[in-house]
Amino acid sequence: MQEINGTVSSIKKNVTGLQQELVLQKNLMRFLRNIAMDKLLDDEEFENNNVSMHSGGG
């Protein structure tokens, strides 16, 4: 019985960890989406910066 209890509690810990990971992933996706939307709004400005950054290389 002790082995089963230990297994159950470790499974519960794993599930809790996975749930926390999912929350973090959702938050990360929301964060990245916000950045992407900002980039879209600043697209022209971003392109201008990109050109000036890469023109120095060779």
PDB file of N, CA and C in Angstrom:
ATOM      1  N   MET A   1       0.834  -1.216   0.000  1.00  0.00           N
ATOM      2  CA  MET A   1       0.000   0.000   0.000  1.00  0.00           C
ATOM      3  C   MET A   1       0.866   1.262   0.000  1.00  0.00           C
ATOM      4  N   GLN A   2       1.963   1.244   0.727  1.00  0.00           N
ATOM      5  CA  GLN A   2       2.806   2.439   0.791  1.00  0.00           C
ATOM      6  C   GLN A   2       3.327   2.816  -0.591  1.00  0.00           C
ATOM      7  N   GLU A   3       3.713   1.791  -1.363  1.00  0.00           N
ATOM      8  CA  GLU A   3       4.214   2.069  -2.715  1.00  0.00           C
ATOM      9  C   GLU A   3       3.154   2.774  -3.547  1.00  0.00           C
ATOM     10  N   ILE A   4       1.929   2.280  -3.472  1.00  0.00           N
ATOM     11  CA  ILE A   4       0.833   2.883  -4.238  1.00  0.00           C
ATOM     12  C   ILE A   4       0.619   4.328  -3.807  1.00  0.00           C
ATOM     13  N   ASN A   5       0.623   4.585  -2.491  1.00  0.00           N
ATOM     14  CA  ASN A   5       0.445   5.946  -1.996  1.00  0.00           C
ATOM     15  C   ASN A   5       1.552   6.856  -2.501  1.00  0.00           C
ATOM     16  N   GLY A   6       2.794   6.347  -2.487  1.00  0.00           N
ATOM     17  CA  GLY A   6       3.914   7.138  -2.982  1.00  0.00           C
ATOM     18  C   GLY A   6       3.739   7.461  -4.455  1.00  0.00           C
ATOM     19  N   THR A   7       3.303   6.464  -5.234  1.00  0.00           N
ATOM     20  CA  THR A   7       3.098   6.675  -6.666  1.00  0.00           C
ATOM     21  C   THR A   7       2.011   7.714  -6.902  1.00  0.00           C
ATOM     22  N   VAL A   8       0.916   7.588  -6.167  1.00  0.00           N
ATOM     23  CA  VAL A   8      -0.197   8.533  -6.318  1.00  0.00           C
ATOM     24  C   VAL A   8       0.269   9.954  -6.013  1.00  0.00           C
ATOM     25  N   SER A   9       1.021  10.120  -4.924  1.00  0.00           N
ATOM     26  CA  SER A   9       1.435  11.474  -4.552  1.00  0.00           C
ATOM     27  C   SER A   9       2.410  12.039  -5.584  1.00  0.00           C
ATOM     28  N   SER A  10       3.289  11.174  -6.161  1.00  0.00           N
ATOM     29  CA  SER A  10       4.213  11.690  -7.176  1.00  0.00           C
ATOM     30  C   SER A  10       3.462  12.051  -8.457  1.00  0.00           C
ATOM     31  N   ILE A  11       2.419  11.289  -8.764  1.00  0.00           N
ATOM     32  CA  ILE A  11       1.589  11.630  -9.934  1.00  0.00           C
ATOM     33  C   ILE A  11       0.908  12.974  -9.707  1.00  0.00           C
ATOM     34  N   LYS A  12       0.387  13.178  -8.501  1.00  0.00           N
ATOM     35  CA  LYS A  12      -0.255  14.457  -8.182  1.00  0.00           C
ATOM     36  C   LYS A  12       0.725  15.610  -8.349  1.00  0.00           C
ATOM     37  N   LYS A  13       1.970  15.406  -7.879  1.00  0.00           N
ATOM     38  CA  LYS A  13       2.990  16.451  -8.032  1.00  0.00           C
ATOM     39  C   LYS A  13       3.245  16.728  -9.510  1.00  0.00           C
ATOM     40  N   ASN A  14       3.337  15.650 -10.314  1.00  0.00           N
ATOM     41  CA  ASN A  14       3.570  15.833 -11.746  1.00  0.00           C
ATOM     42  C   ASN A  14       2.436  16.602 -12.401  1.00  0.00           C
ATOM     43  N   VAL A  15       1.199  16.249 -12.036  1.00  0.00           N
ATOM     44  CA  VAL A  15       0.031  16.929 -12.605  1.00  0.00           C
ATOM     45  C   VAL A  15       0.047  18.403 -12.241  1.00  0.00           C
ATOM     46  N   THR A  16       0.348  18.688 -10.978  1.00  0.00           N
ATOM     47  CA  THR A  16       0.410  20.091 -10.531  1.00  0.00           C
ATOM     48  C   THR A  16       1.475  20.838 -11.320  1.00  0.00           C
ATOM     49  N   GLY A  17       2.637  20.207 -11.493  1.00  0.00           N
ATOM     50  CA  GLY A  17       3.711  20.830 -12.267  1.00  0.00           C
ATOM     51  C   GLY A  17       3.287  21.102 -13.697  1.00  0.00           C
ATOM     52  N   LEU A  18       2.580  20.139 -14.300  1.00  0.00           N
ATOM     53  CA  LEU A  18       2.119  20.310 -15.677  1.00  0.00           C
ATOM     54  C   LEU A  18       1.110  21.448 -15.771  1.00  0.00           C
ATOM     55  N   GLN A  19       0.209  21.544 -14.790  1.00  0.00           N
ATOM     56  CA  GLN A  19      -0.774  22.624 -14.790  1.00  0.00           C
ATOM     57  C   GLN A  19      -0.080  23.981 -14.712  1.00  0.00           C
ATOM     58  N   GLN A  20       0.946  24.077 -13.840  1.00  0.00           N
ATOM     59  CA  GLN A  20       1.681  25.334 -13.712  1.00  0.00           C
ATOM     60  C   GLN A  20       2.394  25.656 -15.027  1.00  0.00           C
ATOM     61  N   GLU A  21       2.950  24.617 -15.678  1.00  0.00           N
ATOM     62  CA  GLU A  21       3.641  24.806 -16.946  1.00  0.00           C
ATOM     63  C   GLU A  21       2.671  25.335 -18.004  1.00  0.00           C
ATOM     64  N   LEU A  22       1.459  24.763 -18.030  1.00  0.00           N
ATOM     65  CA  LEU A  22       0.452  25.216 -18.989  1.00  0.00           C
ATOM     66  C   LEU A  22       0.113  26.684 -18.775  1.00  0.00           C
ATOM     67  N   VAL A  23      -0.031  27.075 -17.505  1.00  0.00           N
ATOM     68  CA  VAL A  23      -0.329  28.474 -17.204  1.00  0.00           C
ATOM     69  C   VAL A  23       0.805  29.358 -17.703  1.00  0.00           C
ATOM     70  N   LEU A  24       2.043  28.937 -17.443  1.00  0.00           N
ATOM     71  CA  LEU A  24       3.198  29.716 -17.901  1.00  0.00           C
ATOM     72  C   LEU A  24       3.208  29.819 -19.420  1.00  0.00           C
ATOM     73  N   GLN A  25       2.906  28.709 -20.103  1.00  0.00           N
ATOM     74  CA  GLN A  25       2.892  28.726 -21.569  1.00  0.00           C
ATOM     75  C   GLN A  25       1.812  29.674 -22.097  1.00  0.00           C
ATOM     76  N   LYS A  26       0.631  29.634 -21.467  1.00  0.00           N
ATOM     77  CA  LYS A  26      -0.446  30.548 -21.883  1.00  0.00           C
ATOM     78  C   LYS A  26      -0.002  31.998 -21.723  1.00  0.00           C
ATOM     79  N   ASN A  27       0.609  32.294 -20.559  1.00  0.00           N
ATOM     80  CA  ASN A  27       1.068  33.659 -20.309  1.00  0.00           C
ATOM     81  C   ASN A  27       2.133  34.055 -21.317  1.00  0.00           C
ATOM     82  N   LEU A  28       3.047  33.118 -21.633  1.00  0.00           N
ATOM     83  CA  LEU A  28       4.111  33.398 -22.596  1.00  0.00           C
ATOM     84  C   LEU A  28       3.522  33.669 -23.973  1.00  0.00           C
ATOM     85  N   MET A  29       2.541  32.853 -24.380  1.00  0.00           N
ATOM     86  CA  MET A  29       1.918  33.054 -25.687  1.00  0.00           C
ATOM     87  C   MET A  29       1.220  34.414 -25.749  1.00  0.00           C
ATOM     88  N   ARG A  30       0.539  34.785 -24.666  1.00  0.00           N
ATOM     89  CA  ARG A  30      -0.137  36.079 -24.618  1.00  0.00           C
ATOM     90  C   ARG A  30       0.894  37.200 -24.727  1.00  0.00           C
ATOM     91  N   PHE A  31       2.008  37.030 -24.009  1.00  0.00           N
ATOM     92  CA  PHE A  31       3.095  38.011 -24.015  1.00  0.00           C
ATOM     93  C   PHE A  31       3.671  38.161 -25.422  1.00  0.00           C
ATOM     94  N   LEU A  32       3.954  37.015 -26.065  1.00  0.00           N
ATOM     95  CA  LEU A  32       4.514  37.042 -27.422  1.00  0.00           C
ATOM     96  C   LEU A  32       3.521  37.659 -28.406  1.00  0.00           C
ATOM     97  N   ARG A  33       2.234  37.349 -28.234  1.00  0.00           N
ATOM     98  CA  ARG A  33       1.217  37.907 -29.126  1.00  0.00           C
ATOM     99  C   ARG A  33       1.175  39.424 -28.985  1.00  0.00           C
ATOM    100  N   ASN A  34       1.271  39.912 -27.732  1.00  0.00           N
ATOM    101  CA  ASN A  34       1.284  41.355 -27.509  1.00  0.00           C
ATOM    102  C   ASN A  34       2.478  41.993 -28.195  1.00  0.00           C
ATOM    103  N   ILE A  35       3.653  41.344 -28.078  1.00  0.00           N
ATOM    104  CA  ILE A  35       4.849  41.870 -28.737  1.00  0.00           C
ATOM    105  C   ILE A  35       4.638  41.888 -30.250  1.00  0.00           C
ATOM    106  N   ALA A  36       4.072  40.805 -30.775  1.00  0.00           N
ATOM    107  CA  ALA A  36       3.834  40.731 -32.220  1.00  0.00           C
ATOM    108  C   ALA A  36       2.890  41.846 -32.670  1.00  0.00           C
ATOM    109  N   MET A  37       1.848  42.105 -31.888  1.00  0.00           N
ATOM    110  CA  MET A  37       0.918  43.169 -32.245  1.00  0.00           C
ATOM    111  C   MET A  37       1.636  44.524 -32.220  1.00  0.00           C
ATOM    112  N   ASP A  38       2.475  44.745 -31.221  1.00  0.00           N
ATOM    113  CA  ASP A  38       3.250  45.982 -31.161  1.00  0.00           C
ATOM    114  C   ASP A  38       4.127  46.104 -32.396  1.00  0.00           C
ATOM    115  N   LYS A  39       4.762  44.984 -32.785  1.00  0.00           N
ATOM    116  CA  LYS A  39       5.628  45.001 -33.965  1.00  0.00           C
ATOM    117  C   LYS A  39       4.822  45.358 -35.205  1.00  0.00           C
ATOM    118  N   LEU A  40       3.625  44.791 -35.323  1.00  0.00           N
ATOM    119  CA  LEU A  40       2.792  45.099 -36.487  1.00  0.00           C
ATOM    120  C   LEU A  40       2.454  46.584 -36.530  1.00  0.00           C
ATOM    121  N   LEU A  41       2.165  47.151 -35.363  1.00  0.00           N
ATOM    122  CA  LEU A  41       1.823  48.565 -35.306  1.00  0.00           C
ATOM    123  C   LEU A  41       3.032  49.425 -35.664  1.00  0.00           C
ATOM    124  N   ASP A  42       4.227  48.967 -35.251  1.00  0.00           N
ATOM    125  CA  ASP A  42       5.459  49.727 -35.493  1.00  0.00           C
ATOM    126  C   ASP A  42       6.198  49.214 -36.724  1.00  0.00           C
ATOM    127  N   ASP A  43       5.470  48.530 -37.630  1.00  0.00           N
ATOM    128  CA  ASP A  43       6.122  47.787 -38.703  1.00  0.00           C
ATOM    129  C   ASP A  43       7.045  48.660 -39.548  1.00  0.00           C
ATOM    130  N   GLU A  44       6.535  49.805 -39.995  1.00  0.00           N
ATOM    131  CA  GLU A  44       7.333  50.672 -40.856  1.00  0.00           C
ATOM    132  C   GLU A  44       8.590  51.125 -40.134  1.00  0.00           C
ATOM    133  N   GLU A  45       8.427  51.556 -38.902  1.00  0.00           N
ATOM    134  CA  GLU A  45       9.550  52.002 -38.090  1.00  0.00           C
ATOM    135  C   GLU A  45      10.565  50.875 -37.929  1.00  0.00           C
ATOM    136  N   PHE A  46      10.058  49.661 -37.668  1.00  0.00           N
ATOM    137  CA  PHE A  46      10.912  48.496 -37.477  1.00  0.00           C
ATOM    138  C   PHE A  46      11.707  48.201 -38.750  1.00  0.00           C
ATOM    139  N   GLU A  47      11.049  48.265 -39.898  1.00  0.00           N
ATOM    140  CA  GLU A  47      11.729  48.008 -41.166  1.00  0.00           C
ATOM    141  C   GLU A  47      12.835  49.025 -41.394  1.00  0.00           C
ATOM    142  N   ASN A  48      12.560  50.280 -41.100  1.00  0.00           N
ATOM    143  CA  ASN A  48      13.575  51.322 -41.268  1.00  0.00           C
ATOM    144  C   ASN A  48      14.788  51.043 -40.386  1.00  0.00           C
ATOM    145  N   ASN A  49      14.533  50.654 -39.121  1.00  0.00           N
ATOM    146  CA  ASN A  49      15.625  50.318 -38.209  1.00  0.00           C
ATOM    147  C   ASN A  49      16.410  49.134 -38.730  1.00  0.00           C
ATOM    148  N   ASN A  50      15.696  48.139 -39.256  1.00  0.00           N
ATOM    149  CA  ASN A  50      16.331  46.925 -39.751  1.00  0.00           C
ATOM    150  C   ASN A  50      17.284  47.249 -40.899  1.00  0.00           C
ATOM    151  N   VAL A  51      16.836  48.078 -41.825  1.00  0.00           N
ATOM    152  CA  VAL A  51      17.668  48.444 -42.979  1.00  0.00           C
ATOM    153  C   VAL A  51      18.943  49.132 -42.500  1.00  0.00           C
ATOM    154  N   SER A  52      18.801  50.079 -41.591  1.00  0.00           N
ATOM    155  CA  SER A  52      19.981  50.828 -41.130  1.00  0.00           C
ATOM    156  C   SER A  52      20.929  49.910 -40.349  1.00  0.00           C
ATOM    157  N   MET A  53      20.381  48.896 -39.651  1.00  0.00           N
ATOM    158  CA  MET A  53      21.230  48.001 -38.898  1.00  0.00           C
ATOM    159  C   MET A  53      22.046  47.108 -39.812  1.00  0.00           C
ATOM    160  N   HIS A  54      21.435  46.627 -40.898  1.00  0.00           N
ATOM    161  CA  HIS A  54      22.096  45.642 -41.742  1.00  0.00           C
ATOM    162  C   HIS A  54      22.968  46.279 -42.825  1.00  0.00           C
ATOM    163  N   SER A  55      22.782  47.565 -43.102  1.00  0.00           N
ATOM    164  CA  SER A  55      23.544  48.181 -44.188  1.00  0.00           C
ATOM    165  C   SER A  55      25.018  48.318 -43.822  1.00  0.00           C
ATOM    166  N   GLY A  56      25.327  48.322 -42.508  1.00  0.00           N
ATOM    167  CA  GLY A  56      26.726  48.477 -42.087  1.00  0.00           C
ATOM    168  C   GLY A  56      27.552  47.234 -42.363  1.00  0.00           C
ATOM    169  N   GLY A  57      26.918  46.062 -42.387  1.00  0.00           N
ATOM    170  CA  GLY A  57      27.652  44.805 -42.571  1.00  0.00           C
ATOM    171  C   GLY A  57      28.135  44.627 -43.990  1.00  0.00           C
ATOM    172  N   GLY A  58      28.903  43.539 -44.227  1.00  0.00           N
ATOM    173  CA  GLY A  58      29.371  43.318 -45.581  1.00  0.00           C
ATOM    174  C   GLY A  58      29.654  41.907 -45.733  1.00  0.00           C
TER     175      GLY A  58
END
